[in-house]
Amino acid sequence: AKKIIEITGSSSEIVFGELPADDPKVRCPDISRAEKILGWRPKVSLEEGLRSTVEYFKSLNEKLRR
């Protein structure tokens, strides 16, 4: 959330609330098995992917407003 606020220049605040009982406790997946078994590695950094996603939704929003 902090990185999205930084990328977008938003003045939004992050609000923390109670999590549902079935909410996953670990949110950082371990992709080492994908690398070992499939030889797969990410080609895009997290920041680059977030920036690309933000730009996509900005352009989509602009198209919908026309």
N, C-alpha and C. Protein backbone atom coordinates (compact mmCIF):
# COMPACT_ATOMS: atom_id res chain seq x y z
N ALA A 1 0.82 -1.19 0.00
CA ALA A 1 0.00 0.00 0.00
C ALA A 1 0.88 1.26 0.00
N LYS A 2 1.94 1.23 0.78
CA LYS A 2 2.84 2.40 0.82
C LYS A 2 3.46 2.64 -0.55
N LYS A 3 3.86 1.57 -1.22
CA LYS A 3 4.49 1.70 -2.54
C LYS A 3 3.49 2.24 -3.56
N ILE A 4 2.24 1.82 -3.50
CA ILE A 4 1.21 2.32 -4.43
C ILE A 4 0.98 3.81 -4.18
N ILE A 5 0.91 4.22 -2.94
CA ILE A 5 0.75 5.64 -2.61
C ILE A 5 1.93 6.43 -3.17
N GLU A 6 3.13 5.89 -3.01
CA GLU A 6 4.33 6.55 -3.52
C GLU A 6 4.28 6.67 -5.05
N ILE A 7 3.94 5.58 -5.73
CA ILE A 7 3.91 5.56 -7.19
C ILE A 7 2.85 6.50 -7.75
N THR A 8 1.68 6.52 -7.12
CA THR A 8 0.57 7.32 -7.64
C THR A 8 0.59 8.76 -7.17
N GLY A 9 1.37 9.04 -6.13
CA GLY A 9 1.37 10.39 -5.57
C GLY A 9 0.08 10.69 -4.82
N SER A 10 -0.60 9.64 -4.40
CA SER A 10 -1.88 9.78 -3.70
C SER A 10 -1.68 10.36 -2.30
N SER A 11 -2.70 11.02 -1.81
CA SER A 11 -2.68 11.52 -0.43
C SER A 11 -3.51 10.61 0.48
N SER A 12 -3.86 9.43 -0.04
CA SER A 12 -4.66 8.46 0.73
C SER A 12 -3.93 8.02 1.98
N GLU A 13 -4.70 7.63 2.98
CA GLU A 13 -4.13 7.08 4.20
C GLU A 13 -4.37 5.58 4.22
N ILE A 14 -3.46 4.86 4.81
CA ILE A 14 -3.62 3.41 4.97
C ILE A 14 -4.39 3.18 6.26
N VAL A 15 -5.47 2.41 6.15
CA VAL A 15 -6.31 2.12 7.31
C VAL A 15 -6.18 0.63 7.63
N PHE A 16 -5.83 0.32 8.85
CA PHE A 16 -5.70 -1.06 9.27
C PHE A 16 -6.97 -1.48 9.98
N GLY A 17 -7.48 -2.66 9.64
CA GLY A 17 -8.69 -3.17 10.26
C GLY A 17 -8.50 -4.62 10.67
N GLU A 18 -9.53 -5.15 11.29
CA GLU A 18 -9.50 -6.56 11.68
C GLU A 18 -9.53 -7.44 10.44
N LEU A 19 -8.75 -8.50 10.47
CA LEU A 19 -8.70 -9.43 9.35
C LEU A 19 -9.72 -10.55 9.56
N PRO A 20 -10.28 -11.07 8.48
CA PRO A 20 -11.18 -12.22 8.61
C PRO A 20 -10.42 -13.42 9.18
N ALA A 21 -11.13 -14.33 9.83
CA ALA A 21 -10.49 -15.49 10.47
C ALA A 21 -9.73 -16.34 9.46
N ASP A 22 -10.22 -16.43 8.22
CA ASP A 22 -9.58 -17.28 7.22
C ASP A 22 -8.56 -16.53 6.36
N ASP A 23 -8.20 -15.34 6.76
CA ASP A 23 -7.25 -14.54 5.99
C ASP A 23 -5.85 -15.15 6.09
N PRO A 24 -5.13 -15.24 4.96
CA PRO A 24 -3.78 -15.82 5.03
C PRO A 24 -2.84 -14.96 5.88
N LYS A 25 -2.05 -15.61 6.69
CA LYS A 25 -1.13 -14.89 7.58
C LYS A 25 0.16 -14.49 6.85
N VAL A 26 0.56 -15.28 5.86
CA VAL A 26 1.78 -15.02 5.10
C VAL A 26 1.39 -14.51 3.72
N ARG A 27 1.89 -13.35 3.36
CA ARG A 27 1.51 -12.74 2.09
C ARG A 27 2.68 -12.59 1.12
N CYS A 28 3.79 -13.15 1.45
CA CYS A 28 4.95 -13.07 0.57
C CYS A 28 5.26 -14.49 0.08
N PRO A 29 4.76 -14.84 -1.10
CA PRO A 29 4.93 -16.22 -1.57
C PRO A 29 6.39 -16.58 -1.81
N ASP A 30 6.69 -17.84 -1.61
CA ASP A 30 8.03 -18.36 -1.87
C ASP A 30 8.01 -18.97 -3.28
N ILE A 31 8.69 -18.32 -4.21
CA ILE A 31 8.67 -18.78 -5.60
C ILE A 31 9.87 -19.66 -5.93
N SER A 32 10.61 -20.08 -4.91
CA SER A 32 11.81 -20.88 -5.15
C SER A 32 11.48 -22.21 -5.82
N ARG A 33 10.33 -22.80 -5.52
CA ARG A 33 9.96 -24.07 -6.18
C ARG A 33 9.73 -23.86 -7.67
N ALA A 34 9.13 -22.75 -8.04
CA ALA A 34 8.92 -22.47 -9.46
C ALA A 34 10.25 -22.36 -10.18
N GLU A 35 11.22 -21.78 -9.50
CA GLU A 35 12.55 -21.66 -10.10
C GLU A 35 13.22 -23.03 -10.20
N LYS A 36 13.16 -23.82 -9.12
CA LYS A 36 13.80 -25.14 -9.11
C LYS A 36 13.16 -26.10 -10.11
N ILE A 37 11.83 -26.17 -10.11
CA ILE A 37 11.13 -27.17 -10.92
C ILE A 37 10.95 -26.71 -12.37
N LEU A 38 10.58 -25.46 -12.56
CA LEU A 38 10.25 -24.97 -13.90
C LEU A 38 11.35 -24.12 -14.54
N GLY A 39 12.32 -23.73 -13.72
CA GLY A 39 13.35 -22.82 -14.24
C GLY A 39 12.82 -21.42 -14.45
N TRP A 40 11.74 -21.09 -13.75
CA TRP A 40 11.07 -19.79 -13.92
C TRP A 40 11.61 -18.77 -12.94
N ARG A 41 11.83 -17.58 -13.44
CA ARG A 41 12.22 -16.44 -12.60
C ARG A 41 11.43 -15.24 -13.09
N PRO A 42 11.06 -14.34 -12.18
CA PRO A 42 10.34 -13.14 -12.61
C PRO A 42 11.20 -12.29 -13.54
N LYS A 43 10.58 -11.72 -14.56
CA LYS A 43 11.30 -10.84 -15.49
C LYS A 43 11.09 -9.37 -15.14
N VAL A 44 10.12 -9.12 -14.29
CA VAL A 44 9.74 -7.74 -13.94
C VAL A 44 9.86 -7.59 -12.43
N SER A 45 10.48 -6.50 -11.99
CA SER A 45 10.58 -6.25 -10.55
C SER A 45 9.21 -5.86 -10.01
N LEU A 46 9.05 -5.96 -8.70
CA LEU A 46 7.79 -5.58 -8.08
C LEU A 46 7.44 -4.13 -8.41
N GLU A 47 8.40 -3.23 -8.25
CA GLU A 47 8.12 -1.82 -8.51
C GLU A 47 7.75 -1.58 -9.97
N GLU A 48 8.48 -2.20 -10.88
CA GLU A 48 8.17 -2.05 -12.31
C GLU A 48 6.77 -2.59 -12.62
N GLY A 49 6.43 -3.73 -12.04
CA GLY A 49 5.10 -4.31 -12.24
C GLY A 49 4.00 -3.43 -11.69
N LEU A 50 4.22 -2.85 -10.50
CA LEU A 50 3.23 -1.96 -9.91
C LEU A 50 3.05 -0.71 -10.76
N ARG A 51 4.16 -0.13 -11.21
CA ARG A 51 4.07 1.06 -12.06
C ARG A 51 3.31 0.76 -13.35
N SER A 52 3.60 -0.37 -13.95
CA SER A 52 2.92 -0.78 -15.18
C SER A 52 1.42 -0.97 -14.94
N THR A 53 1.08 -1.59 -13.82
CA THR A 53 -0.33 -1.82 -13.48
C THR A 53 -1.05 -0.50 -13.25
N VAL A 54 -0.43 0.42 -12.53
CA VAL A 54 -1.03 1.74 -12.29
C VAL A 54 -1.25 2.45 -13.61
N GLU A 55 -0.28 2.43 -14.50
CA GLU A 55 -0.42 3.08 -15.81
C GLU A 55 -1.54 2.45 -16.62
N TYR A 56 -1.65 1.13 -16.57
CA TYR A 56 -2.72 0.44 -17.30
C TYR A 56 -4.09 0.92 -16.81
N PHE A 57 -4.29 0.94 -15.50
CA PHE A 57 -5.59 1.34 -14.97
C PHE A 57 -5.87 2.82 -15.20
N LYS A 58 -4.83 3.66 -15.20
CA LYS A 58 -5.02 5.07 -15.54
C LYS A 58 -5.52 5.19 -16.97
N SER A 59 -4.90 4.47 -17.89
CA SER A 59 -5.31 4.55 -19.30
C SER A 59 -6.69 3.96 -19.49
N LEU A 60 -7.02 2.90 -18.79
CA LEU A 60 -8.34 2.30 -18.87
C LEU A 60 -9.39 3.28 -18.37
N ASN A 61 -9.10 3.94 -17.27
CA ASN A 61 -10.01 4.93 -16.70
C ASN A 61 -10.24 6.08 -17.68
N GLU A 62 -9.17 6.53 -18.33
CA GLU A 62 -9.29 7.62 -19.31
C GLU A 62 -10.15 7.20 -20.49
N LYS A 63 -10.00 5.96 -20.96
CA LYS A 63 -10.80 5.45 -22.07
C LYS A 63 -12.28 5.37 -21.69
N LEU A 64 -12.56 4.97 -20.46
CA LEU A 64 -13.94 4.83 -20.01
C LEU A 64 -14.62 6.19 -19.83
N ARG A 65 -13.86 7.21 -19.57
CA ARG A 65 -14.43 8.56 -19.37
C ARG A 65 -14.81 9.22 -20.68
N ARG A 66 -14.31 8.72 -21.81
CA ARG A 66 -14.59 9.34 -23.11
C ARG A 66 -15.97 9.06 -23.58
